[in-house]
Amino acid sequence: MLSNQKPKSAGECKTAGRVQPIVNLSKCAGKRDCFEVCPYGVFEMREMNQEERSNLDWVGKIKTIVHGSERAFVVNSDQCHACGLCVVACPEKAVKLIPVLMM
C-alpha cells in the first residue's frame, strides 16, 4: 500500500475475510514488525500465557529465553486485506496468510 492511500474498510475490500494470517509462535521473536506495518489492526502484541509457552518447540523456547515471551497474536483476522505486508515485514518468517474456508 502506498503511504498516501487510505486503508479500505473491510466492507470495501473484496479480499477481506478470505484469508487470515497465522503466527507461528515458535518462530516469532516478538520484534513487532507485523504489528507495526499492518494498517488494519489485525495483530496485537502480548505476553504468552503458560499454556502457549508450553506448546512451543525447542527453538521457540530458546527464543523466549533470548527475546522474552512477548509475541504477535492475530486478534482481528476478519480485517485482513491480504496485502501481505506482515508476511514481508517479519524477519523470522513467522507469519503466513492462509485461505479461510467459506461455508
N, C-alpha and C. Protein backbone atom coordinates (compact mmCIF):
# COMPACT_ATOMS: atom_id res chain seq x y z
N MET A 1 0.85 -1.16 0.00
CA MET A 1 0.00 0.00 0.00
C MET A 1 0.90 1.23 0.00
N LEU A 2 0.59 2.20 -0.83
CA LEU A 2 1.33 3.43 -0.87
C LEU A 2 0.98 4.27 0.34
N SER A 3 1.94 5.07 0.79
CA SER A 3 1.72 5.83 2.01
C SER A 3 0.61 6.86 1.90
N ASN A 4 0.28 7.29 0.68
CA ASN A 4 -0.78 8.28 0.52
C ASN A 4 -2.16 7.65 0.35
N GLN A 5 -2.23 6.33 0.37
CA GLN A 5 -3.51 5.65 0.24
C GLN A 5 -4.09 5.38 1.63
N LYS A 6 -5.37 5.58 1.74
CA LYS A 6 -6.07 5.29 3.00
C LYS A 6 -6.52 3.83 2.97
N PRO A 7 -6.32 3.09 4.08
CA PRO A 7 -6.80 1.71 4.12
C PRO A 7 -8.31 1.65 3.91
N LYS A 8 -8.74 0.67 3.15
CA LYS A 8 -10.17 0.48 2.94
C LYS A 8 -10.78 -0.23 4.14
N SER A 9 -12.06 -0.02 4.34
CA SER A 9 -12.74 -0.76 5.39
C SER A 9 -12.96 -2.18 4.90
N ALA A 10 -13.23 -3.09 5.81
CA ALA A 10 -13.43 -4.49 5.44
C ALA A 10 -14.57 -4.64 4.44
N GLY A 11 -15.59 -3.79 4.52
CA GLY A 11 -16.71 -3.87 3.61
C GLY A 11 -16.37 -3.45 2.20
N GLU A 12 -15.31 -2.65 2.00
CA GLU A 12 -14.91 -2.17 0.68
C GLU A 12 -13.92 -3.10 -0.01
N CYS A 13 -13.34 -4.00 0.69
CA CYS A 13 -12.27 -4.84 0.14
C CYS A 13 -12.79 -6.23 -0.19
N LYS A 14 -12.52 -6.67 -1.41
CA LYS A 14 -13.01 -7.98 -1.85
C LYS A 14 -12.24 -9.13 -1.23
N THR A 15 -11.02 -8.88 -0.73
CA THR A 15 -10.24 -9.96 -0.13
C THR A 15 -10.41 -10.06 1.38
N ALA A 16 -11.02 -9.05 2.00
CA ALA A 16 -11.20 -9.08 3.46
C ALA A 16 -12.04 -10.28 3.86
N GLY A 17 -11.54 -11.02 4.83
CA GLY A 17 -12.25 -12.19 5.31
C GLY A 17 -12.01 -13.46 4.50
N ARG A 18 -11.26 -13.36 3.41
CA ARG A 18 -10.99 -14.55 2.59
C ARG A 18 -9.68 -15.22 2.94
N VAL A 19 -8.80 -14.48 3.58
CA VAL A 19 -7.56 -15.05 4.10
C VAL A 19 -7.41 -14.59 5.53
N GLN A 20 -6.58 -15.29 6.25
CA GLN A 20 -6.28 -14.86 7.61
C GLN A 20 -4.81 -15.14 7.88
N PRO A 21 -4.17 -14.25 8.60
CA PRO A 21 -2.78 -14.50 8.97
C PRO A 21 -2.72 -15.47 10.14
N ILE A 22 -1.68 -16.24 10.16
CA ILE A 22 -1.38 -17.09 11.31
C ILE A 22 0.06 -16.78 11.71
N VAL A 23 0.33 -16.84 13.00
CA VAL A 23 1.66 -16.58 13.52
C VAL A 23 2.17 -17.86 14.16
N ASN A 24 3.31 -18.33 13.70
CA ASN A 24 3.97 -19.47 14.32
C ASN A 24 4.71 -18.94 15.55
N LEU A 25 4.17 -19.20 16.73
CA LEU A 25 4.73 -18.66 17.96
C LEU A 25 6.13 -19.17 18.25
N SER A 26 6.48 -20.33 17.72
CA SER A 26 7.84 -20.85 17.91
C SER A 26 8.86 -20.08 17.07
N LYS A 27 8.42 -19.55 15.94
CA LYS A 27 9.32 -18.76 15.09
C LYS A 27 9.35 -17.29 15.49
N CYS A 28 8.23 -16.78 15.96
CA CYS A 28 8.10 -15.37 16.30
C CYS A 28 9.07 -15.00 17.43
N ALA A 29 9.75 -13.86 17.27
CA ALA A 29 10.65 -13.36 18.30
C ALA A 29 10.11 -12.08 18.93
N GLY A 30 8.87 -11.73 18.60
CA GLY A 30 8.25 -10.56 19.20
C GLY A 30 8.87 -9.24 18.79
N LYS A 31 9.36 -9.16 17.57
CA LYS A 31 10.04 -7.95 17.11
C LYS A 31 9.08 -6.85 16.68
N ARG A 32 7.78 -7.13 16.64
CA ARG A 32 6.71 -6.14 16.42
C ARG A 32 6.55 -5.68 14.97
N ASP A 33 7.33 -6.19 14.04
CA ASP A 33 7.28 -5.70 12.66
C ASP A 33 5.89 -5.88 12.04
N CYS A 34 5.28 -7.04 12.22
CA CYS A 34 3.95 -7.28 11.64
C CYS A 34 2.92 -6.35 12.26
N PHE A 35 3.01 -6.17 13.56
CA PHE A 35 2.10 -5.30 14.30
C PHE A 35 2.21 -3.86 13.80
N GLU A 36 3.42 -3.39 13.62
CA GLU A 36 3.65 -2.01 13.21
C GLU A 36 3.29 -1.74 11.76
N VAL A 37 3.47 -2.71 10.89
CA VAL A 37 3.24 -2.47 9.47
C VAL A 37 1.79 -2.69 9.05
N CYS A 38 1.01 -3.40 9.82
CA CYS A 38 -0.37 -3.71 9.44
C CYS A 38 -1.27 -2.47 9.57
N PRO A 39 -1.84 -2.01 8.45
CA PRO A 39 -2.71 -0.83 8.51
C PRO A 39 -4.13 -1.15 8.97
N TYR A 40 -4.44 -2.41 9.23
CA TYR A 40 -5.81 -2.82 9.53
C TYR A 40 -6.01 -3.29 10.97
N GLY A 41 -4.99 -3.23 11.80
CA GLY A 41 -5.14 -3.60 13.21
C GLY A 41 -5.41 -5.06 13.44
N VAL A 42 -4.81 -5.91 12.63
CA VAL A 42 -5.05 -7.35 12.72
C VAL A 42 -4.30 -7.98 13.91
N PHE A 43 -3.17 -7.40 14.28
CA PHE A 43 -2.30 -8.00 15.30
C PHE A 43 -2.32 -7.23 16.61
N GLU A 44 -1.98 -7.94 17.69
CA GLU A 44 -1.68 -7.31 18.96
C GLU A 44 -0.42 -7.98 19.50
N MET A 45 0.29 -7.25 20.32
CA MET A 45 1.47 -7.80 20.97
C MET A 45 1.11 -8.02 22.43
N ARG A 46 1.45 -9.22 22.93
CA ARG A 46 1.20 -9.52 24.34
C ARG A 46 2.11 -10.66 24.78
N GLU A 47 2.21 -10.82 26.08
CA GLU A 47 2.97 -11.91 26.66
C GLU A 47 2.22 -13.22 26.47
N MET A 48 2.95 -14.28 26.17
CA MET A 48 2.33 -15.60 26.08
C MET A 48 1.93 -16.07 27.47
N ASN A 49 0.84 -16.83 27.53
CA ASN A 49 0.48 -17.44 28.80
C ASN A 49 1.23 -18.77 28.95
N GLN A 50 1.07 -19.39 30.09
CA GLN A 50 1.80 -20.62 30.39
C GLN A 50 1.51 -21.73 29.38
N GLU A 51 0.26 -21.89 29.00
CA GLU A 51 -0.10 -22.93 28.03
C GLU A 51 0.57 -22.68 26.68
N GLU A 52 0.55 -21.44 26.23
CA GLU A 52 1.19 -21.08 24.95
C GLU A 52 2.69 -21.33 25.00
N ARG A 53 3.33 -20.99 26.12
CA ARG A 53 4.76 -21.25 26.27
C ARG A 53 5.06 -22.74 26.27
N SER A 54 4.21 -23.53 26.90
CA SER A 54 4.46 -24.97 26.97
C SER A 54 4.29 -25.66 25.62
N ASN A 55 3.55 -25.04 24.70
CA ASN A 55 3.35 -25.62 23.38
C ASN A 55 4.44 -25.26 22.37
N LEU A 56 5.41 -24.45 22.77
CA LEU A 56 6.49 -24.08 21.87
C LEU A 56 7.42 -25.26 21.62
N ASP A 57 8.01 -25.28 20.43
CA ASP A 57 9.05 -26.27 20.19
C ASP A 57 10.34 -25.76 20.84
N TRP A 58 11.42 -26.53 20.76
CA TRP A 58 12.66 -26.15 21.46
C TRP A 58 13.24 -24.84 20.94
N VAL A 59 13.08 -24.55 19.64
CA VAL A 59 13.56 -23.28 19.09
C VAL A 59 12.77 -22.13 19.72
N GLY A 60 11.46 -22.28 19.80
CA GLY A 60 10.62 -21.26 20.41
C GLY A 60 10.95 -21.03 21.87
N LYS A 61 11.28 -22.09 22.58
CA LYS A 61 11.65 -21.95 23.99
C LYS A 61 12.97 -21.20 24.14
N ILE A 62 13.90 -21.46 23.24
CA ILE A 62 15.17 -20.72 23.26
C ILE A 62 14.93 -19.25 22.92
N LYS A 63 14.07 -18.99 21.93
CA LYS A 63 13.75 -17.60 21.58
C LYS A 63 13.11 -16.88 22.75
N THR A 64 12.32 -17.58 23.54
CA THR A 64 11.70 -16.98 24.71
C THR A 64 12.75 -16.59 25.74
N ILE A 65 13.75 -17.43 25.92
CA ILE A 65 14.84 -17.11 26.84
C ILE A 65 15.61 -15.88 26.35
N VAL A 66 15.88 -15.83 25.06
CA VAL A 66 16.69 -14.75 24.48
C VAL A 66 15.89 -13.46 24.32
N HIS A 67 14.67 -13.55 23.78
CA HIS A 67 13.89 -12.36 23.40
C HIS A 67 12.73 -12.05 24.34
N GLY A 68 12.44 -12.91 25.29
CA GLY A 68 11.28 -12.70 26.16
C GLY A 68 10.06 -13.41 25.61
N SER A 69 8.94 -13.31 26.32
CA SER A 69 7.75 -14.08 25.93
C SER A 69 6.69 -13.24 25.22
N GLU A 70 7.01 -12.00 24.84
CA GLU A 70 6.05 -11.22 24.06
C GLU A 70 6.04 -11.74 22.62
N ARG A 71 4.83 -11.92 22.09
CA ARG A 71 4.66 -12.42 20.74
C ARG A 71 3.53 -11.66 20.06
N ALA A 72 3.47 -11.81 18.74
CA ALA A 72 2.37 -11.24 17.95
C ALA A 72 1.22 -12.24 17.94
N PHE A 73 0.01 -11.74 18.14
CA PHE A 73 -1.19 -12.56 18.09
C PHE A 73 -2.18 -11.93 17.14
N VAL A 74 -2.86 -12.77 16.38
CA VAL A 74 -3.90 -12.31 15.46
C VAL A 74 -5.18 -12.13 16.27
N VAL A 75 -5.70 -10.91 16.30
CA VAL A 75 -6.91 -10.63 17.08
C VAL A 75 -8.08 -10.17 16.22
N ASN A 76 -7.80 -9.72 15.01
CA ASN A 76 -8.85 -9.24 14.10
C ASN A 76 -8.65 -9.85 12.71
N SER A 77 -8.67 -11.15 12.63
CA SER A 77 -8.38 -11.81 11.34
C SER A 77 -9.39 -11.43 10.26
N ASP A 78 -10.61 -11.08 10.65
CA ASP A 78 -11.62 -10.71 9.66
C ASP A 78 -11.31 -9.36 9.00
N GLN A 79 -10.38 -8.62 9.55
CA GLN A 79 -9.99 -7.33 8.97
C GLN A 79 -8.81 -7.45 8.00
N CYS A 80 -8.24 -8.64 7.86
CA CYS A 80 -7.10 -8.86 6.97
C CYS A 80 -7.51 -8.63 5.52
N HIS A 81 -6.74 -7.80 4.82
CA HIS A 81 -7.00 -7.48 3.42
C HIS A 81 -6.03 -8.20 2.47
N ALA A 82 -5.25 -9.12 2.99
CA ALA A 82 -4.32 -9.92 2.19
C ALA A 82 -3.28 -9.07 1.48
N CYS A 83 -2.90 -7.96 2.08
CA CYS A 83 -1.88 -7.10 1.45
C CYS A 83 -0.50 -7.74 1.53
N GLY A 84 -0.28 -8.61 2.51
CA GLY A 84 0.99 -9.32 2.64
C GLY A 84 2.10 -8.52 3.31
N LEU A 85 1.80 -7.31 3.78
CA LEU A 85 2.83 -6.50 4.43
C LEU A 85 3.40 -7.19 5.66
N CYS A 86 2.56 -7.88 6.40
CA CYS A 86 3.01 -8.57 7.61
C CYS A 86 3.97 -9.73 7.27
N VAL A 87 3.67 -10.42 6.20
CA VAL A 87 4.50 -11.55 5.78
C VAL A 87 5.88 -11.06 5.38
N VAL A 88 5.91 -10.00 4.60
CA VAL A 88 7.17 -9.44 4.12
C VAL A 88 7.97 -8.83 5.28
N ALA A 89 7.28 -8.18 6.22
CA ALA A 89 7.95 -7.46 7.30
C ALA A 89 8.58 -8.38 8.35
N CYS A 90 8.04 -9.57 8.51
CA CYS A 90 8.51 -10.45 9.59
C CYS A 90 9.91 -10.99 9.30
N PRO A 91 10.90 -10.60 10.10
CA PRO A 91 12.26 -11.09 9.85
C PRO A 91 12.44 -12.56 10.20
N GLU A 92 11.52 -13.10 10.97
CA GLU A 92 11.60 -14.51 11.39
C GLU A 92 10.80 -15.44 10.48
N LYS A 93 10.09 -14.87 9.50
CA LYS A 93 9.21 -15.65 8.60
C LYS A 93 8.19 -16.45 9.41
N ALA A 94 7.64 -15.81 10.45
CA ALA A 94 6.69 -16.47 11.34
C ALA A 94 5.23 -16.24 10.94
N VAL A 95 4.98 -15.35 9.97
CA VAL A 95 3.61 -15.01 9.58
C VAL A 95 3.32 -15.58 8.19
N LYS A 96 2.18 -16.23 8.09
CA LYS A 96 1.69 -16.74 6.80
C LYS A 96 0.24 -16.33 6.63
N LEU A 97 -0.18 -16.20 5.39
CA LEU A 97 -1.59 -15.97 5.09
C LEU A 97 -2.17 -17.28 4.59
N ILE A 98 -3.29 -17.69 5.16
CA ILE A 98 -3.93 -18.92 4.75
C ILE A 98 -5.38 -18.61 4.33
N PRO A 99 -5.91 -19.35 3.37
CA PRO A 99 -7.30 -19.12 2.96
C PRO A 99 -8.27 -19.49 4.06
N VAL A 100 -9.34 -18.74 4.13
CA VAL A 100 -10.43 -19.03 5.06
C VAL A 100 -11.45 -19.88 4.30
N LEU A 101 -11.82 -20.98 4.89
CA LEU A 101 -12.82 -21.84 4.23
C LEU A 101 -14.19 -21.21 4.40
N MET A 102 -14.83 -20.93 3.29
CA MET A 102 -16.18 -20.33 3.32
C MET A 102 -17.21 -21.44 3.41
N MET A 103 -18.14 -21.30 4.29
CA MET A 103 -19.20 -22.30 4.45
C MET A 103 -20.43 -21.87 3.72
